[in-house]
N, C-alpha and C. Protein backbone atom coordinates (compact mmCIF):
# COMPACT_ATOMS: atom_id res chain seq x y z
N MET A 1 -24.11 39.17 38.65
CA MET A 1 -23.60 38.70 37.39
C MET A 1 -24.77 38.65 36.40
N PRO A 2 -24.61 39.25 35.23
CA PRO A 2 -25.71 39.27 34.27
C PRO A 2 -25.93 37.88 33.69
N LYS A 3 -27.18 37.57 33.43
CA LYS A 3 -27.53 36.26 32.89
C LYS A 3 -27.29 36.27 31.38
N LEU A 4 -26.42 35.39 30.93
CA LEU A 4 -26.09 35.29 29.52
C LEU A 4 -26.78 34.07 28.93
N THR A 5 -27.18 34.18 27.70
CA THR A 5 -27.75 33.02 27.02
C THR A 5 -26.63 32.29 26.29
N LEU A 6 -26.75 31.01 26.22
CA LEU A 6 -25.72 30.20 25.57
C LEU A 6 -26.04 30.05 24.09
N SER A 7 -25.04 30.21 23.26
CA SER A 7 -25.23 30.02 21.83
C SER A 7 -25.29 28.53 21.51
N VAL A 8 -25.66 28.22 20.29
CA VAL A 8 -25.73 26.82 19.87
C VAL A 8 -24.34 26.19 19.91
N THR A 9 -23.34 26.93 19.48
CA THR A 9 -21.97 26.42 19.50
C THR A 9 -21.53 26.12 20.93
N GLU A 10 -21.87 27.02 21.86
CA GLU A 10 -21.52 26.78 23.26
C GLU A 10 -22.21 25.54 23.80
N ARG A 11 -23.46 25.37 23.46
CA ARG A 11 -24.20 24.19 23.94
C ARG A 11 -23.59 22.90 23.41
N ILE A 12 -23.21 22.92 22.15
CA ILE A 12 -22.59 21.72 21.56
C ILE A 12 -21.25 21.43 22.23
N CYS A 13 -20.46 22.48 22.47
CA CYS A 13 -19.16 22.29 23.12
C CYS A 13 -19.32 21.81 24.56
N ILE A 14 -20.31 22.34 25.26
CA ILE A 14 -20.56 21.90 26.64
C ILE A 14 -20.96 20.43 26.64
N ALA A 15 -21.82 20.05 25.70
CA ALA A 15 -22.24 18.64 25.62
C ALA A 15 -21.04 17.74 25.32
N ALA A 16 -20.14 18.21 24.46
CA ALA A 16 -18.95 17.42 24.15
C ALA A 16 -18.07 17.24 25.38
N VAL A 17 -17.91 18.30 26.16
CA VAL A 17 -17.08 18.19 27.37
C VAL A 17 -17.75 17.27 28.39
N VAL A 18 -19.07 17.33 28.49
CA VAL A 18 -19.78 16.45 29.42
C VAL A 18 -19.58 14.99 29.02
N ILE A 19 -19.61 14.72 27.73
CA ILE A 19 -19.47 13.35 27.24
C ILE A 19 -18.01 12.89 27.29
N LEU A 20 -17.09 13.73 26.81
CA LEU A 20 -15.69 13.32 26.67
C LEU A 20 -14.86 13.49 27.93
N GLY A 21 -15.24 14.42 28.78
CA GLY A 21 -14.48 14.62 30.01
C GLY A 21 -13.91 16.02 30.12
N ASP A 22 -13.48 16.36 31.33
CA ASP A 22 -13.01 17.72 31.62
C ASP A 22 -11.72 18.09 30.92
N GLU A 23 -10.97 17.13 30.44
CA GLU A 23 -9.71 17.47 29.77
C GLU A 23 -9.94 18.16 28.42
N TRP A 24 -11.18 18.21 27.96
CA TRP A 24 -11.52 18.84 26.69
C TRP A 24 -12.03 20.27 26.86
N ILE A 25 -11.94 20.82 28.06
CA ILE A 25 -12.44 22.18 28.30
C ILE A 25 -11.68 23.20 27.45
N ASN A 26 -10.36 23.07 27.37
CA ASN A 26 -9.57 24.02 26.57
C ASN A 26 -10.00 24.01 25.11
N GLU A 27 -10.17 22.81 24.54
CA GLU A 27 -10.54 22.73 23.13
C GLU A 27 -11.94 23.29 22.89
N ALA A 28 -12.85 23.03 23.83
CA ALA A 28 -14.20 23.57 23.70
C ALA A 28 -14.18 25.09 23.75
N TYR A 29 -13.40 25.64 24.66
CA TYR A 29 -13.31 27.10 24.77
C TYR A 29 -12.63 27.69 23.53
N ARG A 30 -11.66 26.97 22.98
CA ARG A 30 -10.99 27.43 21.76
C ARG A 30 -11.97 27.49 20.59
N LEU A 31 -12.91 26.54 20.53
CA LEU A 31 -13.93 26.58 19.47
C LEU A 31 -14.92 27.73 19.67
N ILE A 32 -15.25 28.00 20.92
CA ILE A 32 -16.20 29.06 21.21
C ILE A 32 -15.56 30.44 21.02
N ASN A 33 -14.32 30.57 21.40
CA ASN A 33 -13.63 31.85 21.37
C ASN A 33 -12.34 31.72 20.56
N PRO A 34 -12.43 31.61 19.22
CA PRO A 34 -11.23 31.39 18.41
C PRO A 34 -10.31 32.61 18.35
N THR A 35 -10.81 33.78 18.67
CA THR A 35 -9.98 34.99 18.57
C THR A 35 -9.40 35.39 19.91
N SER A 36 -9.22 34.45 20.81
CA SER A 36 -8.65 34.76 22.12
C SER A 36 -7.24 35.29 21.94
N LYS A 37 -6.94 36.38 22.63
CA LYS A 37 -5.65 37.04 22.46
C LYS A 37 -4.58 36.50 23.40
N SER A 38 -4.94 35.60 24.28
CA SER A 38 -3.94 35.10 25.24
C SER A 38 -2.98 34.14 24.54
N LYS A 39 -1.71 34.46 24.66
CA LYS A 39 -0.66 33.63 24.05
C LYS A 39 -0.20 32.55 25.01
N ASP A 40 -0.30 32.85 26.29
CA ASP A 40 0.16 31.92 27.32
C ASP A 40 -0.89 30.83 27.54
N GLU A 41 -0.46 29.58 27.60
CA GLU A 41 -1.38 28.45 27.78
C GLU A 41 -2.04 28.46 29.15
N ALA A 42 -1.32 28.88 30.17
CA ALA A 42 -1.88 28.94 31.52
C ALA A 42 -2.99 29.99 31.60
N THR A 43 -2.78 31.14 30.96
CA THR A 43 -3.81 32.18 30.94
C THR A 43 -5.04 31.69 30.17
N PHE A 44 -4.80 31.01 29.06
CA PHE A 44 -5.91 30.48 28.28
C PHE A 44 -6.70 29.45 29.09
N ARG A 45 -5.99 28.62 29.85
CA ARG A 45 -6.65 27.62 30.69
C ARG A 45 -7.51 28.30 31.77
N ARG A 46 -7.01 29.37 32.37
CA ARG A 46 -7.80 30.11 33.37
C ARG A 46 -9.06 30.70 32.74
N GLN A 47 -8.93 31.22 31.52
CA GLN A 47 -10.11 31.77 30.84
C GLN A 47 -11.12 30.67 30.55
N ALA A 48 -10.62 29.51 30.12
CA ALA A 48 -11.51 28.39 29.81
C ALA A 48 -12.22 27.90 31.07
N LEU A 49 -11.49 27.83 32.18
CA LEU A 49 -12.10 27.40 33.43
C LEU A 49 -13.09 28.44 33.96
N ARG A 50 -12.81 29.71 33.76
CA ARG A 50 -13.75 30.76 34.15
C ARG A 50 -15.05 30.60 33.38
N TRP A 51 -14.93 30.32 32.07
CA TRP A 51 -16.13 30.09 31.25
C TRP A 51 -16.87 28.83 31.73
N TRP A 52 -16.11 27.77 32.02
CA TRP A 52 -16.71 26.50 32.43
C TRP A 52 -17.43 26.61 33.76
N ASN A 53 -16.93 27.46 34.66
CA ASN A 53 -17.53 27.62 35.98
C ASN A 53 -18.62 28.68 36.03
N HIS A 54 -18.96 29.23 34.90
CA HIS A 54 -20.04 30.23 34.84
C HIS A 54 -21.36 29.55 35.22
N PRO A 55 -22.25 30.23 35.96
CA PRO A 55 -23.50 29.62 36.40
C PRO A 55 -24.38 29.10 35.26
N ASN A 56 -24.41 29.81 34.14
CA ASN A 56 -25.23 29.33 33.01
C ASN A 56 -24.69 28.02 32.45
N VAL A 57 -23.36 27.92 32.37
CA VAL A 57 -22.75 26.69 31.87
C VAL A 57 -23.01 25.55 32.85
N LYS A 58 -22.86 25.84 34.15
CA LYS A 58 -23.11 24.82 35.16
C LYS A 58 -24.56 24.34 35.12
N GLU A 59 -25.48 25.27 34.93
CA GLU A 59 -26.91 24.91 34.87
C GLU A 59 -27.19 24.03 33.65
N PHE A 60 -26.59 24.39 32.50
CA PHE A 60 -26.78 23.60 31.29
C PHE A 60 -26.18 22.20 31.44
N CYS A 61 -25.01 22.11 32.10
CA CYS A 61 -24.38 20.80 32.35
C CYS A 61 -25.28 19.94 33.21
N LYS A 62 -25.87 20.55 34.23
CA LYS A 62 -26.75 19.82 35.12
C LYS A 62 -27.96 19.28 34.36
N LYS A 63 -28.53 20.10 33.46
CA LYS A 63 -29.66 19.65 32.64
C LYS A 63 -29.25 18.50 31.73
N LEU A 64 -28.06 18.61 31.15
CA LEU A 64 -27.58 17.54 30.26
C LEU A 64 -27.40 16.24 31.02
N ARG A 65 -26.78 16.32 32.18
CA ARG A 65 -26.53 15.10 32.95
C ARG A 65 -27.82 14.46 33.42
N ASN A 66 -28.82 15.26 33.76
CA ASN A 66 -30.11 14.73 34.20
C ASN A 66 -30.89 14.14 33.04
N ALA A 67 -30.70 14.66 31.83
CA ALA A 67 -31.42 14.17 30.66
C ALA A 67 -30.72 12.99 29.99
N SER A 68 -29.55 12.64 30.47
CA SER A 68 -28.79 11.57 29.86
C SER A 68 -29.52 10.23 30.02
N PRO A 69 -29.53 9.40 28.98
CA PRO A 69 -30.19 8.09 29.09
C PRO A 69 -29.51 7.16 30.08
N LEU A 70 -28.25 7.44 30.43
CA LEU A 70 -27.58 6.60 31.40
C LEU A 70 -28.13 6.80 32.81
N HIS A 71 -28.75 7.97 33.07
CA HIS A 71 -29.26 8.27 34.39
C HIS A 71 -30.76 8.03 34.52
N GLU A 72 -31.40 7.61 33.46
CA GLU A 72 -32.86 7.48 33.53
C GLU A 72 -33.33 6.33 34.41
N LYS A 73 -32.52 5.29 34.57
CA LYS A 73 -32.92 4.15 35.39
C LYS A 73 -32.05 4.04 36.63
N GLU A 74 -31.64 5.16 37.17
CA GLU A 74 -30.73 5.13 38.29
C GLU A 74 -31.38 4.53 39.54
N ASP A 75 -32.65 4.86 39.78
CA ASP A 75 -33.32 4.37 40.98
C ASP A 75 -33.88 2.97 40.80
N ALA A 76 -34.32 2.65 39.61
CA ALA A 76 -34.92 1.34 39.35
C ALA A 76 -33.82 0.29 39.17
N THR A 77 -34.22 -0.96 39.21
CA THR A 77 -33.26 -2.02 38.94
C THR A 77 -32.97 -2.07 37.45
N ILE A 78 -31.74 -2.28 37.12
CA ILE A 78 -31.33 -2.30 35.72
C ILE A 78 -31.50 -3.73 35.21
N THR A 79 -32.23 -3.85 34.11
CA THR A 79 -32.48 -5.17 33.55
C THR A 79 -31.39 -5.54 32.54
N ARG A 80 -31.36 -6.77 32.21
CA ARG A 80 -30.39 -7.27 31.23
C ARG A 80 -30.63 -6.65 29.86
N GLU A 81 -31.90 -6.51 29.48
CA GLU A 81 -32.24 -5.93 28.18
C GLU A 81 -31.80 -4.47 28.11
N TYR A 82 -31.96 -3.75 29.23
CA TYR A 82 -31.53 -2.35 29.27
C TYR A 82 -30.02 -2.25 29.08
N LEU A 83 -29.26 -3.12 29.73
CA LEU A 83 -27.81 -3.11 29.58
C LEU A 83 -27.40 -3.43 28.15
N ILE A 84 -28.07 -4.39 27.54
CA ILE A 84 -27.76 -4.75 26.15
C ILE A 84 -28.05 -3.58 25.23
N LYS A 85 -29.16 -2.89 25.47
CA LYS A 85 -29.53 -1.72 24.66
C LYS A 85 -28.48 -0.62 24.79
N GLN A 86 -28.02 -0.36 26.02
CA GLN A 86 -27.02 0.68 26.25
C GLN A 86 -25.67 0.29 25.66
N LEU A 87 -25.31 -0.99 25.73
CA LEU A 87 -24.05 -1.43 25.13
C LEU A 87 -24.08 -1.33 23.62
N LYS A 88 -25.22 -1.63 23.02
CA LYS A 88 -25.35 -1.49 21.56
C LYS A 88 -25.21 -0.03 21.15
N ALA A 89 -25.82 0.87 21.92
CA ALA A 89 -25.70 2.30 21.64
C ALA A 89 -24.25 2.76 21.79
N ALA A 90 -23.58 2.28 22.81
CA ALA A 90 -22.17 2.65 23.01
C ALA A 90 -21.30 2.07 21.90
N LEU A 91 -21.62 0.89 21.42
CA LEU A 91 -20.86 0.27 20.34
C LEU A 91 -20.99 1.08 19.05
N ARG A 92 -22.20 1.57 18.78
CA ARG A 92 -22.41 2.40 17.59
C ARG A 92 -21.69 3.74 17.70
N ALA A 93 -21.60 4.28 18.91
CA ALA A 93 -21.02 5.62 19.09
C ALA A 93 -19.50 5.60 19.17
N THR A 94 -18.90 4.47 19.49
CA THR A 94 -17.46 4.40 19.69
C THR A 94 -16.75 4.13 18.39
N THR A 95 -15.61 4.81 18.18
CA THR A 95 -14.82 4.60 16.97
C THR A 95 -13.48 3.94 17.26
N ASP A 96 -13.04 3.95 18.51
CA ASP A 96 -11.76 3.36 18.87
C ASP A 96 -11.87 1.83 18.81
N PRO A 97 -10.99 1.16 18.05
CA PRO A 97 -11.09 -0.30 17.88
C PRO A 97 -10.98 -1.09 19.18
N THR A 98 -10.11 -0.66 20.09
CA THR A 98 -9.97 -1.41 21.34
C THR A 98 -11.22 -1.28 22.21
N ASP A 99 -11.79 -0.08 22.24
CA ASP A 99 -13.03 0.12 23.00
C ASP A 99 -14.17 -0.67 22.37
N ARG A 100 -14.23 -0.66 21.05
CA ARG A 100 -15.29 -1.41 20.36
C ARG A 100 -15.17 -2.90 20.66
N ALA A 101 -13.94 -3.41 20.68
CA ALA A 101 -13.74 -4.83 20.95
C ALA A 101 -14.17 -5.19 22.38
N SER A 102 -13.82 -4.35 23.34
CA SER A 102 -14.21 -4.65 24.72
C SER A 102 -15.72 -4.54 24.91
N ILE A 103 -16.34 -3.56 24.26
CA ILE A 103 -17.80 -3.44 24.35
C ILE A 103 -18.47 -4.63 23.67
N ALA A 104 -17.94 -5.05 22.54
CA ALA A 104 -18.51 -6.20 21.83
C ALA A 104 -18.39 -7.48 22.65
N MET A 105 -17.27 -7.65 23.36
CA MET A 105 -17.11 -8.83 24.22
C MET A 105 -18.12 -8.82 25.36
N LYS A 106 -18.34 -7.65 25.97
CA LYS A 106 -19.32 -7.55 27.05
C LYS A 106 -20.72 -7.81 26.53
N LEU A 107 -20.99 -7.30 25.33
CA LEU A 107 -22.29 -7.52 24.70
C LEU A 107 -22.50 -9.00 24.40
N ALA A 108 -21.47 -9.67 23.93
CA ALA A 108 -21.57 -11.10 23.66
C ALA A 108 -21.79 -11.89 24.94
N ASP A 109 -21.13 -11.49 26.00
CA ASP A 109 -21.33 -12.17 27.29
C ASP A 109 -22.77 -12.03 27.77
N LEU A 110 -23.30 -10.81 27.68
CA LEU A 110 -24.67 -10.58 28.15
C LEU A 110 -25.71 -11.25 27.25
N SER A 111 -25.45 -11.25 25.96
CA SER A 111 -26.41 -11.81 25.02
C SER A 111 -26.36 -13.33 24.98
N GLY A 112 -25.33 -13.91 25.52
CA GLY A 112 -25.19 -15.36 25.49
C GLY A 112 -24.68 -15.85 24.15
N LEU A 113 -24.02 -14.98 23.41
CA LEU A 113 -23.50 -15.36 22.10
C LEU A 113 -22.13 -16.01 22.17
N LYS A 114 -21.50 -15.91 23.30
CA LYS A 114 -20.18 -16.49 23.44
C LYS A 114 -20.29 -18.01 23.41
N GLY A 115 -19.51 -18.64 22.56
CA GLY A 115 -19.57 -20.09 22.44
C GLY A 115 -19.10 -20.78 23.69
N LYS A 116 -19.84 -21.76 24.11
CA LYS A 116 -19.45 -22.52 25.29
C LYS A 116 -18.69 -23.76 24.84
N LYS A 117 -17.64 -24.08 25.60
CA LYS A 117 -16.84 -25.25 25.27
C LYS A 117 -17.63 -26.51 25.59
N GLU A 118 -17.52 -27.48 24.71
CA GLU A 118 -18.13 -28.77 24.99
C GLU A 118 -17.20 -29.51 25.93
N GLU A 119 -17.74 -29.94 27.03
CA GLU A 119 -16.91 -30.62 28.01
C GLU A 119 -16.77 -32.09 27.62
N THR A 120 -15.55 -32.48 27.39
CA THR A 120 -15.28 -33.87 27.07
C THR A 120 -14.47 -34.46 28.22
N PRO A 121 -14.92 -35.59 28.72
CA PRO A 121 -14.21 -36.17 29.84
C PRO A 121 -12.79 -36.60 29.48
N GLU A 122 -12.56 -37.00 28.24
CA GLU A 122 -11.23 -37.44 27.83
C GLU A 122 -10.24 -36.29 27.82
N ALA A 123 -10.70 -35.12 27.43
CA ALA A 123 -9.80 -33.97 27.37
C ALA A 123 -9.41 -33.49 28.75
N ASP A 124 -10.27 -33.71 29.74
CA ASP A 124 -9.99 -33.24 31.09
C ASP A 124 -9.12 -34.20 31.89
N LYS A 125 -8.92 -35.41 31.41
CA LYS A 125 -8.14 -36.38 32.16
C LYS A 125 -6.66 -36.02 32.12
N ARG A 126 -6.02 -36.25 33.21
CA ARG A 126 -4.58 -36.03 33.30
C ARG A 126 -3.92 -37.40 33.38
N HIS A 127 -2.85 -37.55 32.66
CA HIS A 127 -2.15 -38.83 32.64
C HIS A 127 -0.83 -38.67 33.37
N TYR A 128 -0.63 -39.52 34.35
CA TYR A 128 0.60 -39.50 35.12
C TYR A 128 1.30 -40.84 34.94
N PHE A 129 2.59 -40.78 34.77
CA PHE A 129 3.39 -41.98 34.68
C PHE A 129 4.33 -42.00 35.88
N LEU A 130 4.06 -42.92 36.77
CA LEU A 130 4.85 -43.00 38.00
C LEU A 130 5.92 -44.09 37.84
N PRO A 131 7.08 -43.85 38.40
CA PRO A 131 8.14 -44.88 38.29
C PRO A 131 7.80 -46.08 39.18
N TRP A 132 8.29 -47.27 38.74
CA TRP A 132 8.05 -48.46 39.55
C TRP A 132 8.98 -48.46 40.74
N VAL A 133 8.48 -48.93 41.79
CA VAL A 133 9.31 -49.02 42.99
C VAL A 133 9.55 -50.50 43.29
N SER A 134 10.34 -50.75 44.29
CA SER A 134 10.74 -52.13 44.59
C SER A 134 9.57 -53.01 45.00
N ARG A 135 8.57 -52.48 45.64
CA ARG A 135 7.44 -53.33 46.06
C ARG A 135 6.56 -53.75 44.89
N CYS A 136 6.76 -53.15 43.72
CA CYS A 136 5.97 -53.53 42.56
C CYS A 136 6.34 -54.93 42.07
N ARG A 137 7.49 -55.41 42.47
CA ARG A 137 7.90 -56.74 42.02
C ARG A 137 7.01 -57.84 42.58
N THR A 138 6.35 -57.55 43.68
CA THR A 138 5.47 -58.54 44.28
C THR A 138 4.02 -58.37 43.82
N CYS A 139 3.76 -57.33 43.06
CA CYS A 139 2.40 -57.02 42.61
C CYS A 139 2.00 -58.00 41.50
N GLU A 140 0.70 -58.28 41.42
CA GLU A 140 0.18 -59.20 40.40
C GLU A 140 0.38 -58.63 39.00
N LEU A 141 0.22 -57.35 38.86
CA LEU A 141 0.43 -56.75 37.54
C LEU A 141 1.87 -56.88 37.08
N MET A 142 2.79 -56.74 38.01
CA MET A 142 4.21 -56.88 37.68
C MET A 142 4.51 -58.31 37.26
N LYS A 143 3.89 -59.27 37.91
CA LYS A 143 4.09 -60.67 37.55
C LYS A 143 3.58 -60.94 36.14
N ILE A 144 2.42 -60.36 35.80
CA ILE A 144 1.86 -60.53 34.46
C ILE A 144 2.77 -59.86 33.43
N TYR A 145 3.26 -58.68 33.76
CA TYR A 145 4.15 -57.96 32.85
C TYR A 145 5.44 -58.75 32.61
N ASN A 146 6.00 -59.31 33.65
CA ASN A 146 7.23 -60.09 33.52
C ASN A 146 6.98 -61.33 32.67
N ARG A 147 5.87 -62.00 32.86
CA ARG A 147 5.54 -63.18 32.09
C ARG A 147 5.43 -62.83 30.60
N ILE A 148 4.74 -61.71 30.29
CA ILE A 148 4.56 -61.31 28.89
C ILE A 148 5.90 -60.90 28.28
N SER A 149 6.70 -60.18 29.01
CA SER A 149 7.99 -59.75 28.48
C SER A 149 8.93 -60.94 28.28
N ASN A 150 8.86 -61.95 29.15
CA ASN A 150 9.68 -63.16 28.99
C ASN A 150 9.24 -63.94 27.75
N GLN A 151 7.93 -63.99 27.51
CA GLN A 151 7.43 -64.71 26.33
C GLN A 151 7.88 -64.02 25.06
N LYS A 152 7.92 -62.70 25.05
CA LYS A 152 8.35 -61.97 23.86
C LYS A 152 9.84 -62.17 23.62
N GLN A 153 10.62 -62.26 24.69
CA GLN A 153 12.06 -62.42 24.52
C GLN A 153 12.40 -63.83 24.03
N THR A 154 11.67 -64.81 24.45
CA THR A 154 11.95 -66.18 24.03
C THR A 154 11.44 -66.46 22.62
N SER A 155 10.48 -65.71 22.16
CA SER A 155 9.96 -65.99 20.83
C SER A 155 10.72 -65.30 19.77
């Protein structure tokens, strides 16, 4: 197989597919080869996959993946600062609002920006009201309650 050099457009499209995922192979091939004569989508997909599986494309993908900043600290331990840096970069690069919100929440968790609730003992108390039973009539509290209620009724 003759060794072909990749054009700038091909390199950009390959990088886009590496970043966005394999489902973008058809669109990348359509940008590289806009005058494709295949009318059938299945034939076009086979042509796109043939281009994607070419050794030069595979070699360029391998170089891209190895040069990616996400893989630079694969062997070393990942620090908190490194994660914050990568999340900030991902936040700048993302345009989808739901993705931005989830990245921002993770960034806030790591940065310690999330507000912590002030723990109040009064708010955590649970109040239960239990019905009186027959043995309560002999209790000292019941006697006091009866005395107070009798005084209110007579006055």
